[in-house]
Amino acid sequence: MKDDNSHAYWNATVKLLINILVVWFLVSFGAGILFAEQLNNFKLGGYPLGFWFAQQGSIYIFIAQIFWYAKRMNEIDREFDVHED
């Protein structure tokens, strides 16, 4: 991989990781702790939404992020021709 191409690949990878970490922070710390009182005004499955995010919702989001990361990294790898298959 050429130097310019490797730099662009690294930037795309870092951008993806930053996006994932921002979502992770907003879901785990934001929805589960910071905004829990406001979210508790809404119910999901009979439970306050802030409590649901802190106990279950963040886990569902994290699992979705794993699949999104794998899909997006495969797209980035193909874009920069560093894929394995």
N, C-alpha and C. Protein backbone atom coordinates (compact mmCIF):
# COMPACT_ATOMS: atom_id res chain seq x y z
N MET A 1 0.84 -1.17 0.00
CA MET A 1 0.00 0.00 0.00
C MET A 1 0.89 1.24 0.00
N LYS A 2 0.57 2.19 -0.84
CA LYS A 2 1.35 3.42 -0.92
C LYS A 2 1.13 4.25 0.33
N ASP A 3 2.05 5.15 0.58
CA ASP A 3 2.00 5.95 1.81
C ASP A 3 0.73 6.80 1.90
N ASP A 4 0.34 7.45 0.80
CA ASP A 4 -0.88 8.26 0.82
C ASP A 4 -2.11 7.39 1.03
N ASN A 5 -2.11 6.23 0.40
CA ASN A 5 -3.23 5.31 0.53
C ASN A 5 -3.32 4.75 1.95
N SER A 6 -2.19 4.45 2.55
CA SER A 6 -2.20 3.93 3.92
C SER A 6 -2.66 5.00 4.91
N HIS A 7 -2.31 6.25 4.63
CA HIS A 7 -2.76 7.34 5.49
C HIS A 7 -4.28 7.51 5.40
N ALA A 8 -4.83 7.43 4.20
CA ALA A 8 -6.28 7.53 4.02
C ALA A 8 -6.99 6.34 4.68
N TYR A 9 -6.39 5.16 4.57
CA TYR A 9 -6.97 3.97 5.21
C TYR A 9 -7.00 4.14 6.72
N TRP A 10 -5.90 4.62 7.28
CA TRP A 10 -5.83 4.84 8.71
C TRP A 10 -6.84 5.88 9.15
N ASN A 11 -7.00 6.96 8.39
CA ASN A 11 -7.98 7.99 8.74
C ASN A 11 -9.40 7.43 8.73
N ALA A 12 -9.73 6.60 7.74
CA ALA A 12 -11.06 6.00 7.67
C ALA A 12 -11.30 5.09 8.87
N THR A 13 -10.27 4.33 9.24
CA THR A 13 -10.40 3.42 10.38
C THR A 13 -10.57 4.19 11.69
N VAL A 14 -9.79 5.22 11.87
CA VAL A 14 -9.88 6.03 13.10
C VAL A 14 -11.23 6.74 13.17
N LYS A 15 -11.71 7.25 12.05
CA LYS A 15 -13.02 7.91 12.03
C LYS A 15 -14.13 6.94 12.45
N LEU A 16 -14.06 5.71 11.94
CA LEU A 16 -15.04 4.69 12.32
C LEU A 16 -14.97 4.40 13.82
N LEU A 17 -13.76 4.25 14.35
CA LEU A 17 -13.60 3.97 15.78
C LEU A 17 -14.10 5.13 16.64
N ILE A 18 -13.85 6.35 16.22
CA ILE A 18 -14.33 7.52 16.98
C ILE A 18 -15.85 7.53 16.99
N ASN A 19 -16.47 7.26 15.84
CA ASN A 19 -17.94 7.21 15.79
C ASN A 19 -18.50 6.13 16.71
N ILE A 20 -17.87 4.98 16.73
CA ILE A 20 -18.33 3.89 17.60
C ILE A 20 -18.18 4.27 19.07
N LEU A 21 -17.06 4.90 19.41
CA LEU A 21 -16.84 5.30 20.80
C LEU A 21 -17.81 6.39 21.25
N VAL A 22 -18.16 7.29 20.35
CA VAL A 22 -19.14 8.34 20.69
C VAL A 22 -20.50 7.71 20.98
N VAL A 23 -20.92 6.79 20.11
CA VAL A 23 -22.21 6.11 20.34
C VAL A 23 -22.15 5.31 21.63
N TRP A 24 -21.04 4.60 21.86
CA TRP A 24 -20.87 3.84 23.09
C TRP A 24 -21.00 4.75 24.31
N PHE A 25 -20.35 5.91 24.29
CA PHE A 25 -20.41 6.84 25.42
C PHE A 25 -21.83 7.36 25.62
N LEU A 26 -22.47 7.77 24.54
CA LEU A 26 -23.82 8.33 24.66
C LEU A 26 -24.81 7.30 25.20
N VAL A 27 -24.67 6.06 24.77
CA VAL A 27 -25.60 5.02 25.22
C VAL A 27 -25.31 4.61 26.65
N SER A 28 -24.05 4.31 26.96
CA SER A 28 -23.75 3.78 28.29
C SER A 28 -23.75 4.87 29.36
N PHE A 29 -23.00 5.91 29.15
CA PHE A 29 -22.90 6.95 30.18
C PHE A 29 -24.04 7.95 30.06
N GLY A 30 -24.35 8.35 28.83
CA GLY A 30 -25.40 9.36 28.63
C GLY A 30 -26.78 8.85 28.99
N ALA A 31 -27.23 7.80 28.29
CA ALA A 31 -28.60 7.30 28.51
C ALA A 31 -28.72 6.57 29.84
N GLY A 32 -27.67 5.90 30.27
CA GLY A 32 -27.75 5.12 31.50
C GLY A 32 -27.55 5.92 32.77
N ILE A 33 -26.84 7.07 32.68
CA ILE A 33 -26.52 7.83 33.88
C ILE A 33 -26.95 9.29 33.78
N LEU A 34 -26.40 10.01 32.79
CA LEU A 34 -26.63 11.46 32.71
C LEU A 34 -28.08 11.83 32.44
N PHE A 35 -28.70 11.15 31.48
CA PHE A 35 -30.06 11.51 31.08
C PHE A 35 -31.09 10.50 31.58
N ALA A 36 -30.74 9.72 32.57
CA ALA A 36 -31.64 8.67 33.07
C ALA A 36 -32.94 9.25 33.62
N GLU A 37 -32.84 10.34 34.36
CA GLU A 37 -34.06 10.91 34.95
C GLU A 37 -35.03 11.40 33.89
N GLN A 38 -34.51 12.04 32.83
CA GLN A 38 -35.39 12.50 31.76
C GLN A 38 -35.96 11.32 30.98
N LEU A 39 -35.14 10.30 30.75
CA LEU A 39 -35.61 9.13 30.00
C LEU A 39 -36.59 8.29 30.81
N ASN A 40 -36.52 8.37 32.13
CA ASN A 40 -37.42 7.58 32.97
C ASN A 40 -38.87 8.04 32.86
N ASN A 41 -39.12 9.18 32.21
CA ASN A 41 -40.49 9.61 31.97
C ASN A 41 -41.18 8.75 30.92
N PHE A 42 -40.40 8.00 30.17
CA PHE A 42 -40.93 7.11 29.15
C PHE A 42 -40.77 5.66 29.61
N LYS A 43 -41.66 4.82 29.17
CA LYS A 43 -41.63 3.41 29.55
C LYS A 43 -41.35 2.54 28.32
N LEU A 44 -40.60 1.46 28.53
CA LEU A 44 -40.34 0.48 27.49
C LEU A 44 -40.48 -0.89 28.13
N GLY A 45 -41.47 -1.64 27.73
CA GLY A 45 -41.71 -2.95 28.32
C GLY A 45 -42.10 -2.87 29.78
N GLY A 46 -42.70 -1.76 30.17
CA GLY A 46 -43.13 -1.59 31.55
C GLY A 46 -42.06 -1.03 32.48
N TYR A 47 -40.86 -0.82 31.96
CA TYR A 47 -39.76 -0.29 32.76
C TYR A 47 -39.41 1.12 32.32
N PRO A 48 -38.93 1.95 33.24
CA PRO A 48 -38.47 3.28 32.83
C PRO A 48 -37.34 3.17 31.82
N LEU A 49 -37.34 4.03 30.81
CA LEU A 49 -36.40 3.94 29.70
C LEU A 49 -34.95 4.11 30.16
N GLY A 50 -34.69 5.00 31.12
CA GLY A 50 -33.33 5.17 31.63
C GLY A 50 -32.82 3.90 32.29
N PHE A 51 -33.66 3.26 33.07
CA PHE A 51 -33.30 1.99 33.69
C PHE A 51 -33.07 0.92 32.64
N TRP A 52 -33.95 0.88 31.63
CA TRP A 52 -33.82 -0.12 30.56
C TRP A 52 -32.50 0.04 29.82
N PHE A 53 -32.13 1.27 29.50
CA PHE A 53 -30.84 1.50 28.82
C PHE A 53 -29.68 1.07 29.69
N ALA A 54 -29.74 1.37 30.97
CA ALA A 54 -28.64 1.02 31.86
C ALA A 54 -28.50 -0.49 32.02
N GLN A 55 -29.61 -1.22 31.98
CA GLN A 55 -29.57 -2.66 32.24
C GLN A 55 -29.51 -3.51 30.98
N GLN A 56 -30.27 -3.15 29.95
CA GLN A 56 -30.37 -4.02 28.77
C GLN A 56 -30.09 -3.30 27.46
N GLY A 57 -30.57 -2.11 27.33
CA GLY A 57 -30.49 -1.40 26.06
C GLY A 57 -29.07 -1.18 25.59
N SER A 58 -28.18 -0.85 26.51
CA SER A 58 -26.79 -0.62 26.12
C SER A 58 -26.16 -1.90 25.58
N ILE A 59 -26.52 -3.05 26.13
CA ILE A 59 -25.98 -4.31 25.64
C ILE A 59 -26.44 -4.56 24.21
N TYR A 60 -27.72 -4.31 23.91
CA TYR A 60 -28.22 -4.48 22.55
C TYR A 60 -27.50 -3.55 21.58
N ILE A 61 -27.29 -2.32 22.00
CA ILE A 61 -26.59 -1.35 21.15
C ILE A 61 -25.15 -1.81 20.92
N PHE A 62 -24.48 -2.30 21.94
CA PHE A 62 -23.09 -2.74 21.80
C PHE A 62 -22.99 -3.92 20.83
N ILE A 63 -23.91 -4.85 20.90
CA ILE A 63 -23.90 -5.99 19.98
C ILE A 63 -24.14 -5.51 18.55
N ALA A 64 -25.06 -4.57 18.38
CA ALA A 64 -25.30 -4.00 17.05
C ALA A 64 -24.05 -3.29 16.54
N GLN A 65 -23.32 -2.63 17.45
CA GLN A 65 -22.09 -1.95 17.05
C GLN A 65 -21.03 -2.93 16.57
N ILE A 66 -20.96 -4.10 17.16
CA ILE A 66 -19.98 -5.10 16.73
C ILE A 66 -20.25 -5.50 15.28
N PHE A 67 -21.51 -5.77 14.96
CA PHE A 67 -21.85 -6.14 13.59
C PHE A 67 -21.64 -4.98 12.63
N TRP A 68 -21.99 -3.76 13.06
CA TRP A 68 -21.79 -2.58 12.22
C TRP A 68 -20.30 -2.35 11.96
N TYR A 69 -19.49 -2.51 12.99
CA TYR A 69 -18.04 -2.35 12.85
C TYR A 69 -17.47 -3.37 11.85
N ALA A 70 -17.87 -4.63 11.97
CA ALA A 70 -17.37 -5.66 11.07
C ALA A 70 -17.77 -5.37 9.63
N LYS A 71 -19.01 -4.99 9.41
CA LYS A 71 -19.50 -4.67 8.07
C LYS A 71 -18.75 -3.47 7.51
N ARG A 72 -18.63 -2.43 8.30
CA ARG A 72 -18.00 -1.19 7.83
C ARG A 72 -16.50 -1.40 7.58
N MET A 73 -15.82 -2.18 8.43
CA MET A 73 -14.40 -2.42 8.22
C MET A 73 -14.18 -3.24 6.95
N ASN A 74 -15.07 -4.19 6.68
CA ASN A 74 -14.97 -4.94 5.42
C ASN A 74 -15.11 -4.01 4.21
N GLU A 75 -16.03 -3.03 4.31
CA GLU A 75 -16.20 -2.06 3.23
C GLU A 75 -14.94 -1.20 3.07
N ILE A 76 -14.37 -0.76 4.18
CA ILE A 76 -13.15 0.05 4.14
C ILE A 76 -11.99 -0.76 3.57
N ASP A 77 -11.88 -2.02 4.00
CA ASP A 77 -10.82 -2.88 3.48
C ASP A 77 -10.93 -3.06 1.97
N ARG A 78 -12.15 -3.25 1.48
CA ARG A 78 -12.35 -3.41 0.04
C ARG A 78 -12.06 -2.11 -0.70
N GLU A 79 -12.45 -1.00 -0.10
CA GLU A 79 -12.22 0.30 -0.72
C GLU A 79 -10.73 0.56 -0.93
N PHE A 80 -9.90 0.14 0.03
CA PHE A 80 -8.46 0.37 -0.05
C PHE A 80 -7.70 -0.88 -0.51
N ASP A 81 -8.41 -1.88 -0.95
CA ASP A 81 -7.85 -3.11 -1.50
C ASP A 81 -6.88 -3.80 -0.55
N VAL A 82 -7.32 -3.95 0.70
CA VAL A 82 -6.52 -4.69 1.69
C VAL A 82 -7.35 -5.84 2.30
N HIS A 83 -8.42 -6.21 1.60
CA HIS A 83 -9.30 -7.27 2.10
C HIS A 83 -8.59 -8.62 2.01
N GLU A 84 -9.08 -9.57 2.80
CA GLU A 84 -8.41 -10.86 2.91
C GLU A 84 -8.91 -11.91 1.93
N ASP A 85 -10.10 -11.77 1.40
CA ASP A 85 -10.61 -12.81 0.51
C ASP A 85 -10.45 -12.47 -0.94
